[in-house]
N, C-alpha and C. Protein backbone atom coordinates (compact mmCIF):
# COMPACT_ATOMS: atom_id res chain seq x y z
N MET A 1 -52.10 47.55 -20.98
CA MET A 1 -52.08 46.68 -22.14
C MET A 1 -51.14 45.51 -21.82
N PRO A 2 -51.71 44.35 -21.59
CA PRO A 2 -50.88 43.19 -21.28
C PRO A 2 -49.94 42.84 -22.45
N GLU A 3 -48.84 42.20 -22.13
CA GLU A 3 -47.83 41.89 -23.14
C GLU A 3 -48.38 40.98 -24.25
N ASP A 4 -49.24 40.03 -23.89
CA ASP A 4 -49.80 39.14 -24.92
C ASP A 4 -50.70 39.91 -25.89
N VAL A 5 -51.40 40.92 -25.40
CA VAL A 5 -52.23 41.76 -26.28
C VAL A 5 -51.34 42.59 -27.19
N LEU A 6 -50.28 43.12 -26.63
CA LEU A 6 -49.31 43.89 -27.42
C LEU A 6 -48.77 43.04 -28.57
N ARG A 7 -48.39 41.81 -28.25
CA ARG A 7 -47.87 40.90 -29.27
C ARG A 7 -48.92 40.60 -30.35
N TYR A 8 -50.14 40.34 -29.91
CA TYR A 8 -51.24 40.03 -30.83
C TYR A 8 -51.49 41.19 -31.79
N VAL A 9 -51.59 42.39 -31.26
CA VAL A 9 -51.81 43.57 -32.10
C VAL A 9 -50.65 43.76 -33.06
N SER A 10 -49.46 43.55 -32.58
CA SER A 10 -48.27 43.69 -33.42
C SER A 10 -48.30 42.69 -34.58
N GLU A 11 -48.66 41.45 -34.29
CA GLU A 11 -48.72 40.43 -35.34
C GLU A 11 -49.81 40.72 -36.36
N LYS A 12 -50.97 41.14 -35.89
CA LYS A 12 -52.11 41.38 -36.78
C LYS A 12 -51.93 42.63 -37.64
N THR A 13 -51.23 43.61 -37.13
CA THR A 13 -51.09 44.88 -37.86
C THR A 13 -49.73 45.05 -38.52
N GLU A 14 -48.79 44.18 -38.17
CA GLU A 14 -47.41 44.29 -38.66
C GLU A 14 -46.76 45.62 -38.23
N ILE A 15 -47.20 46.12 -37.09
CA ILE A 15 -46.59 47.32 -36.49
C ILE A 15 -45.68 46.83 -35.38
N LYS A 16 -44.48 47.38 -35.32
CA LYS A 16 -43.51 46.96 -34.31
C LYS A 16 -44.04 47.21 -32.90
N PRO A 17 -43.78 46.29 -31.97
CA PRO A 17 -44.24 46.46 -30.58
C PRO A 17 -43.80 47.80 -29.97
N ALA A 18 -42.60 48.25 -30.30
CA ALA A 18 -42.12 49.52 -29.75
C ALA A 18 -42.98 50.69 -30.22
N GLU A 19 -43.45 50.64 -31.45
CA GLU A 19 -44.31 51.71 -31.96
C GLU A 19 -45.66 51.68 -31.26
N ILE A 20 -46.20 50.49 -31.04
CA ILE A 20 -47.48 50.37 -30.34
C ILE A 20 -47.35 50.90 -28.92
N MET A 21 -46.27 50.53 -28.24
CA MET A 21 -46.04 51.02 -26.88
C MET A 21 -45.87 52.53 -26.85
N GLY A 22 -45.24 53.08 -27.87
CA GLY A 22 -45.06 54.53 -27.95
C GLY A 22 -46.40 55.24 -27.98
N VAL A 23 -47.33 54.71 -28.76
CA VAL A 23 -48.67 55.31 -28.85
C VAL A 23 -49.43 55.07 -27.55
N ALA A 24 -49.39 53.82 -27.05
CA ALA A 24 -50.13 53.47 -25.84
C ALA A 24 -49.66 54.27 -24.63
N SER A 25 -48.37 54.55 -24.56
CA SER A 25 -47.86 55.29 -23.40
C SER A 25 -48.06 56.80 -23.55
N PHE A 26 -48.33 57.27 -24.75
CA PHE A 26 -48.52 58.70 -24.98
C PHE A 26 -49.95 59.14 -24.64
N TYR A 27 -50.93 58.36 -25.07
CA TYR A 27 -52.33 58.74 -24.88
C TYR A 27 -52.88 58.22 -23.56
N SER A 28 -53.54 59.11 -22.82
CA SER A 28 -54.06 58.74 -21.49
C SER A 28 -55.23 57.76 -21.57
N GLN A 29 -55.84 57.59 -22.73
CA GLN A 29 -56.95 56.65 -22.85
C GLN A 29 -56.47 55.20 -22.76
N PHE A 30 -55.22 54.96 -23.07
CA PHE A 30 -54.66 53.61 -22.98
C PHE A 30 -54.07 53.41 -21.60
N ARG A 31 -54.27 52.24 -21.04
CA ARG A 31 -53.72 51.92 -19.72
C ARG A 31 -52.73 50.78 -19.86
N LEU A 32 -51.58 50.92 -19.25
CA LEU A 32 -50.56 49.88 -19.30
C LEU A 32 -50.66 48.96 -18.09
N ALA A 33 -51.44 49.36 -17.11
CA ALA A 33 -51.67 48.55 -15.91
C ALA A 33 -53.16 48.64 -15.58
N PRO A 34 -53.71 47.63 -14.92
CA PRO A 34 -55.12 47.68 -14.56
C PRO A 34 -55.43 48.88 -13.68
N VAL A 35 -56.62 49.42 -13.84
CA VAL A 35 -57.06 50.55 -13.02
C VAL A 35 -58.30 50.14 -12.26
N GLY A 36 -58.80 51.01 -11.42
CA GLY A 36 -59.98 50.71 -10.63
C GLY A 36 -61.23 50.58 -11.49
N GLU A 37 -62.30 50.19 -10.83
CA GLU A 37 -63.57 49.99 -11.53
C GLU A 37 -64.16 51.32 -12.01
N HIS A 38 -63.95 52.38 -11.22
CA HIS A 38 -64.48 53.71 -11.56
C HIS A 38 -63.33 54.70 -11.62
N ILE A 39 -63.37 55.57 -12.60
CA ILE A 39 -62.36 56.62 -12.74
C ILE A 39 -63.07 57.96 -12.61
N VAL A 40 -62.60 58.79 -11.69
CA VAL A 40 -63.18 60.12 -11.49
C VAL A 40 -62.14 61.13 -11.93
N LYS A 41 -62.55 62.02 -12.83
CA LYS A 41 -61.65 63.08 -13.29
C LYS A 41 -62.24 64.41 -12.86
N ILE A 42 -61.40 65.26 -12.31
CA ILE A 42 -61.83 66.59 -11.88
C ILE A 42 -61.13 67.61 -12.75
N CYS A 43 -61.92 68.49 -13.33
CA CYS A 43 -61.37 69.53 -14.20
C CYS A 43 -60.40 70.41 -13.39
N VAL A 44 -59.24 70.65 -13.96
CA VAL A 44 -58.26 71.52 -13.30
C VAL A 44 -57.86 72.68 -14.22
N GLY A 45 -58.69 72.94 -15.23
CA GLY A 45 -58.43 74.07 -16.12
C GLY A 45 -58.63 75.39 -15.39
N THR A 46 -58.30 76.48 -16.04
CA THR A 46 -58.36 77.80 -15.42
C THR A 46 -59.75 78.13 -14.89
N ALA A 47 -60.78 77.96 -15.72
CA ALA A 47 -62.14 78.29 -15.29
C ALA A 47 -62.56 77.44 -14.09
N CYS A 48 -62.24 76.15 -14.12
CA CYS A 48 -62.58 75.26 -13.01
C CYS A 48 -61.81 75.64 -11.76
N HIS A 49 -60.56 76.00 -11.93
CA HIS A 49 -59.73 76.41 -10.80
C HIS A 49 -60.35 77.63 -10.12
N VAL A 50 -60.76 78.59 -10.92
CA VAL A 50 -61.36 79.81 -10.38
C VAL A 50 -62.65 79.49 -9.62
N LYS A 51 -63.39 78.50 -10.09
CA LYS A 51 -64.66 78.13 -9.46
C LYS A 51 -64.50 77.18 -8.28
N GLY A 52 -63.27 76.81 -7.92
CA GLY A 52 -63.05 76.00 -6.72
C GLY A 52 -62.76 74.53 -6.94
N ALA A 53 -62.21 74.18 -8.09
CA ALA A 53 -61.89 72.78 -8.36
C ALA A 53 -60.92 72.21 -7.33
N GLY A 54 -60.05 73.02 -6.82
CA GLY A 54 -59.10 72.56 -5.81
C GLY A 54 -59.80 72.05 -4.57
N GLN A 55 -60.88 72.72 -4.18
CA GLN A 55 -61.64 72.28 -3.01
C GLN A 55 -62.35 70.96 -3.28
N VAL A 56 -62.86 70.79 -4.49
CA VAL A 56 -63.51 69.53 -4.86
C VAL A 56 -62.47 68.41 -4.83
N TYR A 57 -61.31 68.67 -5.40
CA TYR A 57 -60.23 67.68 -5.44
C TYR A 57 -59.82 67.28 -4.01
N ASP A 58 -59.64 68.27 -3.14
CA ASP A 58 -59.25 68.00 -1.76
C ASP A 58 -60.32 67.20 -1.02
N ALA A 59 -61.60 67.51 -1.28
CA ALA A 59 -62.69 66.78 -0.63
C ALA A 59 -62.70 65.31 -1.06
N PHE A 60 -62.49 65.04 -2.35
CA PHE A 60 -62.41 63.66 -2.83
C PHE A 60 -61.25 62.93 -2.17
N ARG A 61 -60.10 63.59 -2.10
CA ARG A 61 -58.93 62.96 -1.48
C ARG A 61 -59.20 62.61 -0.02
N ARG A 62 -59.82 63.53 0.71
CA ARG A 62 -60.11 63.26 2.12
C ARG A 62 -61.15 62.13 2.27
N GLU A 63 -62.22 62.22 1.51
CA GLU A 63 -63.32 61.24 1.63
C GLU A 63 -62.86 59.82 1.31
N PHE A 64 -62.04 59.68 0.29
CA PHE A 64 -61.63 58.34 -0.15
C PHE A 64 -60.21 57.99 0.29
N LYS A 65 -59.62 58.84 1.15
CA LYS A 65 -58.28 58.59 1.70
C LYS A 65 -57.26 58.29 0.60
N LEU A 66 -57.20 59.21 -0.38
CA LEU A 66 -56.31 59.06 -1.52
C LEU A 66 -55.00 59.80 -1.28
N ARG A 67 -53.94 59.26 -1.86
CA ARG A 67 -52.63 59.93 -1.82
C ARG A 67 -52.59 61.01 -2.89
N MET A 68 -51.65 61.91 -2.77
CA MET A 68 -51.45 62.95 -3.81
C MET A 68 -51.01 62.25 -5.10
N ALA A 69 -51.52 62.72 -6.21
CA ALA A 69 -51.12 62.18 -7.50
C ALA A 69 -50.26 63.15 -8.25
């Protein structure tokens, strides 16, 4: 969320910028910095883990030469 957008939302809603940032930084749907064109999420819940999600995650990391997150 660019600073000018933060200011605009704050002015239009009369919500303090700090409150907006608190919400934006809490929820993963909001991004504070630009992200890539495509976002891939791999389930890491218990059922997915049991079914081999770790192997899928490792394969993506190797294929796309990604660092550990």
